[in-house]
Amino acid sequence: MEKIIDNNYYDLIINNVSIPTYDSGDNITLLNFRHSLLNVPVAEFDPCILGSFPYHNFPTLYTLTSTISIEKSGIGTVQRNPFLGLFGRGVIIGIIDTGIDYPHQAFLHNDNTTRILSIWDQTIQDGPPPQGFTFGTEYNRDTINLALRSENPLTIVPTTDTNGHGTSIASIIAGRPNEENTFSGVVPESELVVVKLKEAKPISKQIMFVPEDKLCYQESDIILALRYLETYASTSSRPIVICIALGSSMGSHDGSSAVSNYVNYLARIPGIGLSVSAGNEGSSRRHYFNSTTTAPFYNDFELRIGENDKLFSMEIWPYALGRLSIDISSPNRESTQQVYPAISDCRVFNFIFTPSALWVNNFIFEEETGDQLILVRFQNALSGVWRIRIQSLDDSPLSFHAWMPSGNLISNETFFLNPNPDTTITSPGNGVSQMTVTAYNQFDESILLESSRGYTRNGLVAPDIASPGYQIPCALPGNLYGTLTGTGAAAAHAAGAMAMLMEWGITRGNYTLMSGYDANRLIIRGARRDDTLVYPNNIWGYGKLDVNSLFERLTNI
């Protein structure tokens, strides 16, 4: 346990076949059937350890994806139908987020007992961890109810949600109706299992050049949370719908990451549904794309860096079968000169007339994808316009994507001057089998401009569905209510719809082998589509969520 929460150890994700190479006692933690976590001691921090160990060994860092609707998605119609009346009874809702305000009335039965089956708080190390896990504290329903009966619940169950994002997501899916605040979750008779993620280690932020005060979460902890939820649902023999309202612009954007692989596996298991947010990077100007098909075979593009963004990274993923070099020039025209591809080289550039320093990894072969990857990390970045040249070393056509970090890891003052809003779906929304959800404004039927757009880098259709995501009513810590906007809110709304399907199919025995992938395809088939658009498309996916239309197709009601 100590090494997983100890900042003196790097967390590295390795394939399980590699365990005999590294195993020396308690430095290995099983993540799932394919991956494990390797803890490597930090002798002295060196950014070029990313190069000594492959890029894909370092956990991706994830950020939060959110900042009336029931009628727009057909959910109210299904709930009022006496032959359906689907409210999530018998279905577990799995939340992986910032925690939950468990005393909130939205998560209580009418007798003031909890509707939460279990909470695994990864941040508290005082109590027993879940069976099979080595850190955090698990609180079961009996303990939570004991806390609720006490004068000060937090003395018995001290888990909280100081951010509010997890509480909001959970309530949109499963919150108990509150007429005074005109609020109701989509499936208010479902029960919840919650994982409160611990924040990414400072050493993990350091290696990816993320400022220490930025809120983000490690891929490895999300994988452990998924395994916990999978195990809980299997032990209780009940269907579960998991909502992941988190996203990352790190990685290849083709579903090959460790967490995307696991999500894809889980979505094919009967009784496990997954609703994943598409991300809010559509209007952030943090993606650039170029395809150069004629000579001269190079491309120049510009990156504007804001005053407050001194520490961040940029990833460039080429399509080219040939080799590409990179040349980076500061606003005062100092240049790195060409940096050529290599197997594991890490180059450091300290400029003379500015305090800026760059770490450049030009990997000729990124092991997880087999593609070239150019990783640039900026320290004390000089504000202004930086110029970047990508050049073919084989005098042949080239094309590539460049991505900046997602969410709040950089400010809106840092952006590409000629951005491309497409191919901005965040991980794990760029996987294959889960339901990836974008957000639209249910009041005027328009897509939210910030919603990430498809397709994936390898051409897979994403997003799958558009769901209401603008000012969605939600619960907030402290028995308060408010609204949530973004694709995280939309993913929560769609998760509720998937829970209705799981209740109809598994709990009521109409389709007992329904998997998350099955539910996703059924939701796609029932989507509302505009006659003026061609589907699927990279903005709306297969259309707008419409659960009533889906059940009309299934039951002929």
Protein backbone atom coordinates (compact mmCIF):
# COMPACT_ATOMS: atom_id res chain seq x y z
CA MET A 1 0.00 0.00 0.00
CA GLU A 2 2.67 2.48 1.03
CA LYS A 3 4.28 2.68 -2.41
CA ILE A 4 1.00 3.37 -4.21
CA ILE A 5 0.43 6.46 -2.06
CA ASP A 6 4.12 7.36 -1.59
CA ASN A 7 5.41 10.20 -3.76
CA ASN A 8 8.90 8.72 -3.55
CA TYR A 9 7.85 6.07 -6.07
CA TYR A 10 6.89 6.38 -9.71
CA ASP A 11 3.73 4.50 -10.72
CA LEU A 12 4.27 2.62 -13.99
CA ILE A 13 1.67 0.54 -15.83
CA ILE A 14 3.22 -2.68 -17.17
CA ASN A 15 1.90 -5.73 -18.99
CA ASN A 16 1.44 -8.71 -16.69
CA VAL A 17 3.82 -10.81 -18.77
CA SER A 18 6.58 -8.43 -17.66
CA ILE A 19 6.03 -9.04 -13.93
CA PRO A 20 8.88 -11.62 -13.55
CA THR A 21 11.31 -9.00 -14.90
CA TYR A 22 10.49 -6.44 -12.20
CA ASP A 23 8.98 -8.30 -9.25
CA SER A 24 10.95 -7.86 -6.05
CA GLY A 25 8.39 -8.09 -3.28
CA ASP A 26 5.78 -5.37 -2.75
CA ASN A 27 6.57 -3.28 -5.82
CA ILE A 28 3.82 -4.91 -7.97
CA THR A 29 0.06 -4.26 -7.67
CA LEU A 30 -2.38 -6.12 -9.91
CA LEU A 31 -4.60 -3.74 -11.89
CA ASN A 32 -6.58 -6.22 -13.96
CA PHE A 33 -6.19 -9.30 -16.15
CA ARG A 34 -3.79 -7.48 -18.49
CA HIS A 35 -1.91 -4.81 -16.54
CA SER A 36 -0.19 -4.28 -13.21
CA LEU A 37 1.31 -1.30 -11.42
CA LEU A 38 5.07 -1.21 -10.93
CA ASN A 39 6.47 1.10 -8.25
CA VAL A 40 9.95 2.40 -9.02
CA PRO A 41 11.86 4.44 -6.42
CA VAL A 42 12.60 8.06 -7.25
CA ALA A 43 16.30 8.53 -6.62
CA GLU A 44 16.38 12.03 -8.08
CA PHE A 45 13.67 13.49 -10.27
CA ASP A 46 14.64 13.42 -13.92
CA PRO A 47 12.09 14.17 -16.68
CA CYS A 48 14.11 11.93 -18.99
CA ILE A 49 12.99 8.85 -17.08
CA LEU A 50 10.23 9.15 -19.68
CA GLY A 51 12.44 7.64 -22.33
CA SER A 52 14.22 5.21 -20.05
CA PHE A 53 10.78 3.71 -19.53
CA PRO A 54 8.35 3.75 -22.50
CA TYR A 55 5.71 6.46 -22.73
CA HIS A 56 2.77 4.07 -22.31
CA ASN A 57 4.10 2.88 -18.93
CA PHE A 58 3.28 6.25 -17.35
CA PRO A 59 -0.34 6.65 -16.21
CA THR A 60 -2.44 9.04 -18.26
CA LEU A 61 -3.77 11.99 -16.23
CA TYR A 62 -7.54 12.61 -16.29
CA THR A 63 -9.59 15.74 -15.63
CA LEU A 64 -13.29 16.35 -14.87
CA THR A 65 -15.63 16.85 -17.84
CA SER A 66 -18.38 19.12 -16.47
CA THR A 67 -18.83 22.54 -15.04
CA ILE A 68 -36.20 20.06 -17.98
CA SER A 69 -33.82 17.56 -19.77
CA ILE A 70 -35.82 14.45 -18.78
CA GLU A 71 -38.61 15.32 -21.19
CA LYS A 72 -36.24 16.06 -24.08
CA SER A 73 -34.72 12.59 -23.97
CA GLY A 74 -37.98 10.66 -23.69
CA ILE A 75 -37.18 9.39 -20.20
CA GLY A 76 -40.23 10.95 -18.55
CA THR A 77 -42.52 9.26 -21.08
CA VAL A 78 -41.07 5.83 -20.28
CA GLN A 79 -41.33 6.40 -16.53
CA ARG A 80 -45.01 7.37 -16.81
CA ASN A 81 -45.89 4.37 -18.97
CA PRO A 82 -47.67 1.90 -16.65
CA PHE A 83 -46.33 -1.09 -18.59
CA LEU A 84 -42.73 0.08 -18.19
CA GLY A 85 -42.26 2.36 -15.18
CA LEU A 86 -38.49 1.95 -15.27
CA PHE A 87 -36.77 3.69 -12.36
CA GLY A 88 -33.61 1.59 -12.05
CA ARG A 89 -34.91 -0.91 -9.50
CA GLY A 90 -32.38 -3.72 -9.03
CA VAL A 91 -29.62 -1.90 -10.93
CA ILE A 92 -26.38 -0.65 -9.35
CA ILE A 93 -24.96 2.70 -10.46
CA GLY A 94 -21.16 2.84 -10.31
CA ILE A 95 -19.57 6.28 -9.80
CA ILE A 96 -15.84 6.95 -10.27
CA ASP A 97 -15.29 10.58 -9.40
CA THR A 98 -14.55 13.12 -6.66
CA GLY A 99 -16.64 11.29 -4.06
CA ILE A 100 -20.19 11.80 -2.83
CA ASP A 101 -21.96 13.82 -0.15
CA TYR A 102 -23.59 10.72 1.30
CA PRO A 103 -25.83 12.51 3.88
CA HIS A 104 -27.54 14.45 1.04
CA GLN A 105 -31.28 13.75 0.90
CA ALA A 106 -30.92 12.87 -2.80
CA PHE A 107 -29.21 9.61 -1.78
CA LEU A 108 -31.59 8.58 1.02
CA HIS A 109 -34.65 6.37 1.12
CA ASN A 110 -37.88 7.81 2.53
CA ASP A 111 -36.91 6.39 5.95
CA ASN A 112 -33.61 8.33 5.78
CA THR A 113 -31.48 5.22 5.31
CA THR A 114 -28.86 5.31 2.58
CA ARG A 115 -29.25 4.16 -1.01
CA ILE A 116 -25.47 3.80 -1.22
CA LEU A 117 -24.31 0.19 -1.01
CA SER A 118 -20.62 0.97 -0.62
CA ILE A 119 -18.03 3.76 -0.82
CA TRP A 120 -14.36 3.13 -1.49
CA ASP A 121 -12.51 6.30 -0.55
CA GLN A 122 -9.01 6.00 -2.01
CA THR A 123 -7.88 9.09 -0.08
CA ILE A 124 -8.48 7.79 3.47
CA GLN A 125 -5.96 5.25 4.81
CA ASP A 126 -7.34 4.79 8.36
CA GLY A 127 -9.84 2.00 7.81
CA PRO A 128 -9.91 -1.38 6.06
CA PRO A 129 -9.46 -1.29 2.27
CA PRO A 130 -11.73 -3.39 0.08
CA GLN A 131 -10.88 -7.08 -0.04
CA GLY A 132 -8.18 -7.66 -2.65
CA PHE A 133 -6.99 -4.04 -2.59
CA THR A 134 -4.17 -2.49 -0.62
CA PHE A 135 -5.09 1.13 0.08
CA GLY A 136 -8.02 3.41 0.83
CA THR A 137 -10.99 2.69 3.10
CA GLU A 138 -14.27 0.94 2.29
CA TYR A 139 -17.53 1.92 3.98
CA ASN A 140 -20.48 -0.46 3.56
CA ARG A 141 -24.17 0.36 3.79
CA ASP A 142 -24.48 -0.64 7.46
CA THR A 143 -21.63 1.67 8.45
CA ILE A 144 -23.08 4.54 6.40
CA ASN A 145 -26.50 4.04 8.05
CA LEU A 146 -24.84 4.03 11.47
CA ALA A 147 -23.19 7.34 10.58
CA LEU A 148 -26.49 8.82 9.38
CA ARG A 149 -28.12 8.01 12.74
CA SER A 150 -25.37 9.77 14.66
CA GLU A 151 -25.20 13.45 15.60
CA ASN A 152 -22.01 13.90 13.58
CA PRO A 153 -21.93 11.42 10.66
CA LEU A 154 -18.40 12.41 9.60
CA THR A 155 -16.93 11.06 12.83
CA ILE A 156 -17.96 7.55 11.71
CA VAL A 157 -17.75 7.86 7.91
CA PRO A 158 -15.41 10.80 7.19
CA THR A 159 -15.58 10.61 3.39
CA THR A 160 -16.67 13.87 1.73
CA ASP A 161 -16.92 15.48 -1.70
CA THR A 162 -15.30 18.89 -1.39
CA ASN A 163 -15.38 19.42 -5.17
CA GLY A 164 -19.03 18.52 -5.76
CA HIS A 165 -18.55 16.96 -9.21
CA GLY A 166 -19.08 13.37 -8.05
CA THR A 167 -22.18 14.31 -6.03
CA SER A 168 -23.63 16.08 -9.07
CA ILE A 169 -22.93 13.19 -11.45
CA ALA A 170 -24.42 10.62 -9.03
CA SER A 171 -27.55 12.71 -8.47
CA ILE A 172 -28.24 13.27 -12.18
CA ILE A 173 -28.31 9.50 -12.60
CA ALA A 174 -29.92 8.34 -9.37
CA GLY A 175 -30.99 11.27 -7.18
CA ARG A 176 -34.25 10.99 -5.24
CA PRO A 177 -36.98 13.37 -6.49
CA ASN A 178 -37.32 16.72 -4.74
CA GLU A 179 -40.41 18.65 -5.81
CA GLU A 180 -39.39 21.85 -4.03
CA ASN A 181 -36.25 22.05 -6.18
CA THR A 182 -37.96 20.55 -9.27
CA PHE A 183 -35.31 17.85 -9.29
CA SER A 184 -35.21 14.12 -9.99
CA GLY A 185 -32.53 11.72 -11.07
CA VAL A 186 -33.20 9.53 -14.10
CA VAL A 187 -33.38 6.26 -12.11
CA PRO A 188 -34.20 7.26 -8.52
CA GLU A 189 -34.84 3.70 -7.35
CA SER A 190 -31.38 2.43 -8.26
CA GLU A 191 -28.61 2.00 -5.67
CA LEU A 192 -25.05 3.29 -5.79
CA VAL A 193 -21.49 2.09 -5.35
CA VAL A 194 -19.04 5.00 -5.26
CA VAL A 195 -15.29 5.26 -5.67
CA LYS A 196 -13.66 8.50 -4.56
CA LEU A 197 -10.44 8.78 -6.53
CA LYS A 198 -7.27 9.97 -4.89
CA GLU A 199 -5.55 12.80 -6.72
CA ALA A 200 -2.62 12.03 -8.99
CA LYS A 201 0.70 11.82 -7.18
CA PRO A 202 2.83 14.98 -7.36
CA ILE A 203 5.58 12.89 -8.98
CA SER A 204 3.12 11.80 -11.71
CA LYS A 205 2.26 15.44 -12.35
CA GLN A 206 5.95 16.34 -12.42
CA ILE A 207 6.80 13.77 -15.08
CA MET A 208 4.01 15.12 -17.32
CA PHE A 209 4.78 18.78 -16.49
CA VAL A 210 1.43 19.43 -14.81
CA PRO A 211 1.42 22.19 -12.15
CA GLU A 212 1.06 20.73 -8.66
CA ASP A 213 -2.10 22.75 -7.88
CA LYS A 214 -4.06 21.32 -10.84
CA LEU A 215 -6.70 18.70 -10.05
CA CYS A 216 -6.28 15.47 -12.01
CA TYR A 217 -6.41 11.72 -11.52
CA GLN A 218 -4.20 8.79 -12.50
CA GLU A 219 -5.23 6.18 -15.03
CA SER A 220 -4.04 3.42 -12.69
CA ASP A 221 -6.45 4.51 -9.93
CA ILE A 222 -9.33 4.59 -12.41
CA ILE A 223 -8.49 1.04 -13.50
CA LEU A 224 -8.50 -0.11 -9.87
CA ALA A 225 -11.85 1.63 -9.38
CA LEU A 226 -13.28 -0.21 -12.39
CA ARG A 227 -12.04 -3.54 -11.03
CA TYR A 228 -13.64 -2.77 -7.67
CA LEU A 229 -17.00 -2.00 -9.29
CA GLU A 230 -16.78 -5.08 -11.52
CA THR A 231 -16.06 -7.27 -8.49
CA TYR A 232 -18.87 -5.74 -6.43
CA ALA A 233 -21.47 -6.26 -9.15
CA SER A 234 -20.30 -9.83 -9.78
CA THR A 235 -20.44 -10.72 -6.08
CA SER A 236 -23.94 -9.26 -5.71
CA SER A 237 -25.16 -10.84 -9.00
CA ARG A 238 -26.72 -7.57 -10.12
CA PRO A 239 -26.33 -5.46 -13.25
CA ILE A 240 -24.25 -2.31 -12.95
CA VAL A 241 -23.98 0.85 -15.05
CA ILE A 242 -20.71 2.74 -14.58
CA CYS A 243 -20.41 6.43 -15.41
CA ILE A 244 -16.98 7.88 -16.20
CA ALA A 245 -17.28 11.67 -16.32
CA LEU A 246 -13.53 12.10 -16.73
CA GLY A 247 -11.34 12.57 -19.78
CA SER A 248 -7.79 12.99 -21.01
CA SER A 249 -6.21 14.35 -24.18
CA MET A 250 -3.02 12.44 -23.49
CA GLY A 251 -2.32 9.43 -25.65
CA SER A 252 -2.97 8.26 -29.17
CA HIS A 253 -6.75 8.94 -29.34
CA ASP A 254 -7.43 5.51 -30.81
CA GLY A 255 -8.61 3.49 -27.81
CA SER A 256 -5.28 1.75 -27.21
CA SER A 257 -4.64 3.04 -23.67
CA ALA A 258 -4.72 0.73 -20.66
CA VAL A 259 -8.00 2.13 -19.32
CA SER A 260 -9.63 2.14 -22.79
CA ASN A 261 -8.69 -1.52 -23.22
CA TYR A 262 -10.24 -2.38 -19.86
CA VAL A 263 -13.40 -0.38 -20.54
CA ASN A 264 -13.75 -2.16 -23.89
CA TYR A 265 -13.42 -5.54 -22.14
CA LEU A 266 -15.96 -4.68 -19.42
CA ALA A 267 -18.54 -3.39 -21.91
CA ARG A 268 -18.70 -6.85 -23.51
CA ILE A 269 -19.57 -8.59 -20.21
CA PRO A 270 -23.31 -9.23 -19.62
CA GLY A 271 -24.65 -6.96 -16.92
CA ILE A 272 -21.99 -4.23 -17.13
CA GLY A 273 -22.84 -0.97 -18.87
CA LEU A 274 -20.49 1.97 -19.37
CA SER A 275 -21.37 5.57 -20.16
CA VAL A 276 -18.32 7.73 -20.88
CA SER A 277 -18.14 11.47 -21.50
CA ALA A 278 -16.77 12.62 -24.86
CA GLY A 279 -14.86 15.54 -23.32
CA ASN A 280 -15.18 19.31 -23.59
CA GLU A 281 -12.33 20.06 -26.00
CA GLY A 282 -14.29 20.96 -29.14
CA SER A 283 -13.87 24.72 -28.81
CA SER A 284 -10.72 24.81 -26.67
CA ARG A 285 -8.38 25.28 -29.67
CA ARG A 286 -6.07 22.62 -28.26
CA HIS A 287 -5.97 20.35 -31.32
CA TYR A 288 -4.12 20.88 -34.58
CA PHE A 289 -4.13 18.70 -37.69
CA ASN A 290 -2.16 18.85 -40.93
CA SER A 291 -1.87 16.74 -44.04
CA THR A 292 0.83 17.72 -46.52
CA THR A 293 0.63 15.76 -49.76
CA THR A 294 2.84 17.80 -52.06
CA ALA A 295 6.42 19.07 -51.86
CA PRO A 296 7.99 20.63 -49.89
CA PHE A 297 7.14 18.00 -47.30
CA TYR A 298 7.03 20.00 -44.09
CA ASN A 299 4.45 21.95 -42.13
CA ASP A 300 4.81 25.03 -39.97
CA PHE A 301 2.24 25.79 -37.30
CA GLU A 302 1.99 28.19 -34.38
CA LEU A 303 1.21 27.81 -30.69
CA ARG A 304 0.23 30.81 -28.59
CA ILE A 305 1.32 30.38 -24.94
CA GLY A 306 -0.41 32.42 -22.23
CA GLU A 307 1.24 34.31 -19.39
CA ASN A 308 0.20 31.80 -16.72
CA ASP A 309 1.01 28.55 -18.51
CA LYS A 310 4.62 27.95 -17.57
CA LEU A 311 4.48 24.17 -17.27
CA PHE A 312 2.69 21.86 -19.72
CA SER A 313 3.17 19.30 -22.47
CA MET A 314 2.19 18.78 -26.10
CA GLU A 315 1.89 15.49 -28.01
CA ILE A 316 2.27 15.03 -31.77
CA TRP A 317 1.08 11.75 -33.28
CA PRO A 318 1.97 11.31 -36.98
CA TYR A 319 0.22 9.11 -39.52
CA ALA A 320 3.25 9.05 -41.76
CA LEU A 321 4.91 5.73 -42.47
CA GLY A 322 8.13 7.66 -42.82
CA ARG A 323 10.13 9.53 -40.21
CA LEU A 324 9.40 13.07 -39.00
CA SER A 325 11.62 15.60 -37.28
CA ILE A 326 10.60 18.59 -35.17
CA ASP A 327 12.08 22.08 -34.88
CA ILE A 328 10.70 24.47 -32.23
CA SER A 329 11.31 28.23 -32.17
CA SER A 330 10.57 30.55 -29.23
CA PRO A 331 8.86 33.94 -29.67
CA ASN A 332 12.31 35.60 -29.79
CA ARG A 333 13.39 33.16 -32.55
CA GLU A 334 15.71 30.88 -30.58
CA SER A 335 15.46 27.41 -32.06
CA THR A 336 16.05 23.82 -31.00
CA GLN A 337 17.05 23.03 -34.61
CA GLN A 338 15.87 19.70 -35.97
CA VAL A 339 15.27 16.95 -33.43
CA TYR A 340 15.46 13.60 -35.18
CA PRO A 341 13.55 10.44 -34.19
CA ALA A 342 15.25 7.84 -32.02
CA ILE A 343 14.32 4.77 -30.00
CA SER A 344 14.42 6.31 -26.51
CA ASP A 345 16.35 9.57 -26.75
CA CYS A 346 15.38 12.50 -24.50
CA ARG A 347 16.80 15.91 -25.50
CA VAL A 348 16.90 18.94 -23.18
CA PHE A 349 17.07 22.48 -24.62
CA ASN A 350 17.90 25.47 -22.41
CA PHE A 351 17.47 28.72 -24.30
CA ILE A 352 19.93 31.57 -23.87
CA PHE A 353 17.71 34.67 -24.03
CA THR A 354 14.74 33.27 -22.12
CA PRO A 355 14.39 31.04 -19.02
CA SER A 356 12.38 28.56 -21.11
CA ALA A 357 13.50 24.94 -21.21
CA LEU A 358 12.16 22.15 -23.42
CA TRP A 359 12.31 18.38 -23.02
CA VAL A 360 11.75 16.68 -26.38
CA ASN A 361 11.19 12.96 -26.89
CA ASN A 362 10.94 12.02 -30.57
CA PHE A 363 10.07 8.34 -30.33
CA ILE A 364 10.47 6.57 -33.67
CA PHE A 365 8.36 3.73 -32.26
CA GLU A 366 5.79 4.14 -29.47
CA GLU A 367 5.37 0.59 -28.20
CA GLU A 368 1.65 0.55 -27.43
CA THR A 369 0.57 1.76 -30.89
CA GLY A 370 3.61 1.12 -33.10
CA ASP A 371 3.42 4.74 -34.30
CA GLN A 372 5.87 7.61 -34.01
CA LEU A 373 5.26 10.00 -31.09
CA ILE A 374 6.80 13.40 -30.46
CA LEU A 375 6.39 14.55 -26.86
CA VAL A 376 7.34 18.14 -26.00
CA ARG A 377 7.38 19.34 -22.39
CA PHE A 378 7.63 23.07 -21.64
CA GLN A 379 9.12 24.58 -18.48
CA ASN A 380 9.06 28.34 -17.74
CA ALA A 381 7.52 28.77 -21.17
CA LEU A 382 7.90 32.30 -22.53
CA SER A 383 4.48 33.78 -23.34
CA GLY A 384 3.85 34.63 -26.96
CA VAL A 385 3.73 32.76 -30.27
CA TRP A 386 5.97 29.71 -30.65
CA ARG A 387 6.59 28.24 -34.11
CA ILE A 388 6.89 24.54 -34.78
CA ARG A 389 8.05 22.78 -37.95
CA ILE A 390 7.32 19.12 -38.63
CA GLN A 391 9.35 17.78 -41.55
CA SER A 392 9.53 14.50 -43.42
CA LEU A 393 13.00 12.98 -43.41
CA ASP A 394 12.07 10.73 -46.32
CA ASP A 395 10.83 13.47 -48.66
CA SER A 396 7.34 11.96 -48.65
CA PRO A 397 3.79 13.09 -47.74
CA LEU A 398 3.04 13.55 -44.07
CA SER A 399 0.08 14.06 -41.77
CA PHE A 400 -0.15 14.40 -38.01
CA HIS A 401 -2.25 15.46 -35.04
CA ALA A 402 -1.08 17.66 -32.17
CA TRP A 403 -2.92 17.83 -28.82
CA MET A 404 -2.59 20.01 -25.75
CA PRO A 405 -3.73 18.91 -22.26
CA SER A 406 -7.43 18.72 -21.45
CA GLY A 407 -9.59 20.43 -18.86
CA ASN A 408 -8.02 22.85 -16.43
CA LEU A 409 -4.44 21.63 -16.87
CA ILE A 410 -3.76 24.73 -18.99
CA SER A 411 -5.65 28.01 -19.32
CA ASN A 412 -7.73 29.15 -22.28
CA GLU A 413 -4.92 31.57 -23.14
CA THR A 414 -2.76 28.77 -24.56
CA PHE A 415 -3.94 27.48 -27.93
CA PHE A 416 -3.04 26.70 -31.54
CA LEU A 417 -3.51 29.64 -33.91
CA ASN A 418 -5.07 27.44 -36.59
CA PRO A 419 -6.90 24.83 -34.52
CA ASN A 420 -9.09 21.94 -35.62
CA PRO A 421 -12.15 21.06 -33.47
CA ASP A 422 -12.36 17.49 -34.82
CA THR A 423 -10.67 14.39 -33.35
CA THR A 424 -10.94 15.85 -29.85
CA ILE A 425 -12.77 12.98 -28.13
CA THR A 426 -10.94 12.36 -24.86
CA SER A 427 -9.88 9.00 -23.48
CA PRO A 428 -11.52 6.60 -22.68
CA GLY A 429 -14.28 7.90 -24.95
CA ASN A 430 -12.26 6.93 -28.04
CA GLY A 431 -12.59 3.20 -27.31
CA VAL A 432 -14.70 0.69 -29.19
CA SER A 433 -17.50 -0.81 -27.08
CA GLN A 434 -18.52 1.67 -24.39
CA MET A 435 -21.16 4.36 -24.95
CA THR A 436 -19.42 7.68 -25.63
CA VAL A 437 -21.74 10.61 -24.95
CA THR A 438 -21.60 14.15 -26.27
CA ALA A 439 -23.73 17.03 -24.96
CA TYR A 440 -26.37 19.24 -26.52
CA ASN A 441 -28.45 22.16 -25.26
CA GLN A 442 -31.89 20.66 -24.66
CA PHE A 443 -33.51 24.11 -24.70
CA ASP A 444 -32.59 25.06 -28.26
CA GLU A 445 -31.55 21.62 -29.66
CA SER A 446 -28.02 22.81 -30.52
CA ILE A 447 -24.80 20.96 -29.81
CA LEU A 448 -22.73 22.45 -26.98
CA LEU A 449 -19.82 24.19 -28.70
CA GLU A 450 -17.36 22.84 -26.15
CA SER A 451 -18.37 19.23 -26.77
CA SER A 452 -15.51 17.19 -28.19
CA ARG A 453 -15.87 15.91 -31.74
CA GLY A 454 -14.93 12.68 -33.48
CA TYR A 455 -13.86 10.68 -35.10
CA THR A 456 -11.04 8.83 -33.36
CA ARG A 457 -7.52 9.05 -34.80
CA ASN A 458 -7.99 5.65 -36.45
CA GLY A 459 -11.39 6.56 -37.93
CA LEU A 460 -13.78 4.85 -35.49
CA VAL A 461 -17.19 6.47 -35.00
CA ALA A 462 -17.32 8.61 -31.88
CA PRO A 463 -19.33 9.94 -30.17
CA ASP A 464 -22.13 7.36 -30.10
CA ILE A 465 -25.00 9.49 -28.85
CA ALA A 466 -25.89 13.06 -27.90
CA SER A 467 -27.59 13.59 -24.55
CA PRO A 468 -28.86 16.71 -22.75
CA GLY A 469 -25.91 18.42 -21.07
CA TYR A 470 -26.75 22.08 -20.52
CA GLN A 471 -27.61 23.25 -17.00
CA ILE A 472 -28.82 19.83 -15.90
CA PRO A 473 -30.43 20.01 -12.42
CA CYS A 474 -28.29 18.23 -9.84
CA ALA A 475 -27.55 17.89 -6.16
CA LEU A 476 -24.65 19.74 -4.57
CA PRO A 477 -22.88 19.06 -1.26
CA GLY A 478 -24.61 20.44 1.82
CA ASN A 479 -28.17 19.45 0.80
CA LEU A 480 -28.07 22.06 -1.93
CA TYR A 481 -29.21 21.87 -5.56
CA GLY A 482 -27.82 23.47 -8.70
CA THR A 483 -27.07 22.65 -12.33
CA LEU A 484 -24.22 20.96 -14.21
CA THR A 485 -23.14 21.59 -17.80
CA GLY A 486 -20.84 19.58 -20.05
CA THR A 487 -20.37 16.11 -21.50
CA GLY A 488 -19.94 14.70 -17.99
CA ALA A 489 -23.51 15.76 -17.20
CA ALA A 490 -24.63 14.29 -20.53
CA ALA A 491 -22.86 10.99 -19.79
CA ALA A 492 -24.63 10.84 -16.42
CA HIS A 493 -27.99 11.44 -18.08
CA ALA A 494 -27.29 8.70 -20.63
CA ALA A 495 -26.10 6.36 -17.86
CA GLY A 496 -29.55 6.65 -16.34
CA ALA A 497 -31.09 5.66 -19.66
CA MET A 498 -28.77 2.66 -19.86
CA ALA A 499 -29.81 1.65 -16.32
CA MET A 500 -33.45 1.65 -17.47
CA LEU A 501 -32.46 -0.73 -20.26
CA MET A 502 -30.59 -2.97 -17.81
CA GLU A 503 -33.66 -3.07 -15.54
CA TRP A 504 -35.93 -3.96 -18.44
CA GLY A 505 -33.53 -6.51 -19.89
CA ILE A 506 -31.87 -8.18 -16.89
CA THR A 507 -33.86 -7.41 -13.74
CA ARG A 508 -37.20 -8.07 -15.47
CA GLY A 509 -35.88 -10.98 -17.50
CA ASN A 510 -36.50 -9.67 -21.03
CA TYR A 511 -32.84 -9.90 -22.13
CA THR A 512 -30.79 -11.44 -19.33
CA LEU A 513 -27.47 -11.51 -21.22
CA MET A 514 -27.51 -7.81 -22.11
CA SER A 515 -24.02 -6.31 -22.10
CA GLY A 516 -23.04 -2.67 -22.12
CA TYR A 517 -22.23 -2.98 -25.80
CA ASP A 518 -25.72 -4.41 -26.46
CA ALA A 519 -27.30 -1.54 -24.54
CA ASN A 520 -25.20 0.96 -26.44
CA ARG A 521 -26.32 -0.43 -29.80
CA LEU A 522 -29.97 -0.46 -28.72
CA ILE A 523 -29.74 3.17 -27.59
CA ILE A 524 -28.13 4.09 -30.92
CA ARG A 525 -30.95 2.41 -32.84
CA GLY A 526 -33.59 4.34 -30.89
CA ALA A 527 -31.92 7.73 -31.27
CA ARG A 528 -33.75 10.72 -32.75
CA ARG A 529 -32.23 11.81 -36.05
CA ASP A 530 -32.58 14.99 -38.07
CA ASP A 531 -33.64 14.41 -41.68
CA THR A 532 -31.19 17.09 -42.84
CA LEU A 533 -28.08 15.33 -41.45
CA VAL A 534 -26.20 12.18 -42.42
CA TYR A 535 -25.56 9.69 -39.60
CA PRO A 536 -23.31 8.75 -38.03
CA ASN A 537 -21.37 11.99 -37.98
CA ASN A 538 -18.52 13.29 -35.89
CA ILE A 539 -20.62 15.84 -33.97
CA TRP A 540 -23.88 14.05 -33.08
CA GLY A 541 -22.81 10.44 -33.45
CA TYR A 542 -25.94 8.45 -34.27
CA GLY A 543 -28.37 11.10 -33.01
CA LYS A 544 -30.06 12.32 -29.83
CA LEU A 545 -30.92 10.06 -26.93
CA ASP A 546 -34.59 9.00 -27.06
CA VAL A 547 -35.43 6.19 -24.68
CA ASN A 548 -39.14 6.25 -25.44
CA SER A 549 -38.46 5.64 -29.14
CA LEU A 550 -36.17 2.77 -28.17
CA PHE A 551 -38.84 1.01 -26.11
CA GLU A 552 -41.44 1.61 -28.79
CA ARG A 553 -39.18 -0.33 -31.14
CA LEU A 554 -38.62 -3.10 -28.58
CA THR A 555 -42.11 -3.54 -27.21
CA ASN A 556 -44.44 -2.12 -29.89
CA ILE A 557 -46.22 0.01 -27.29
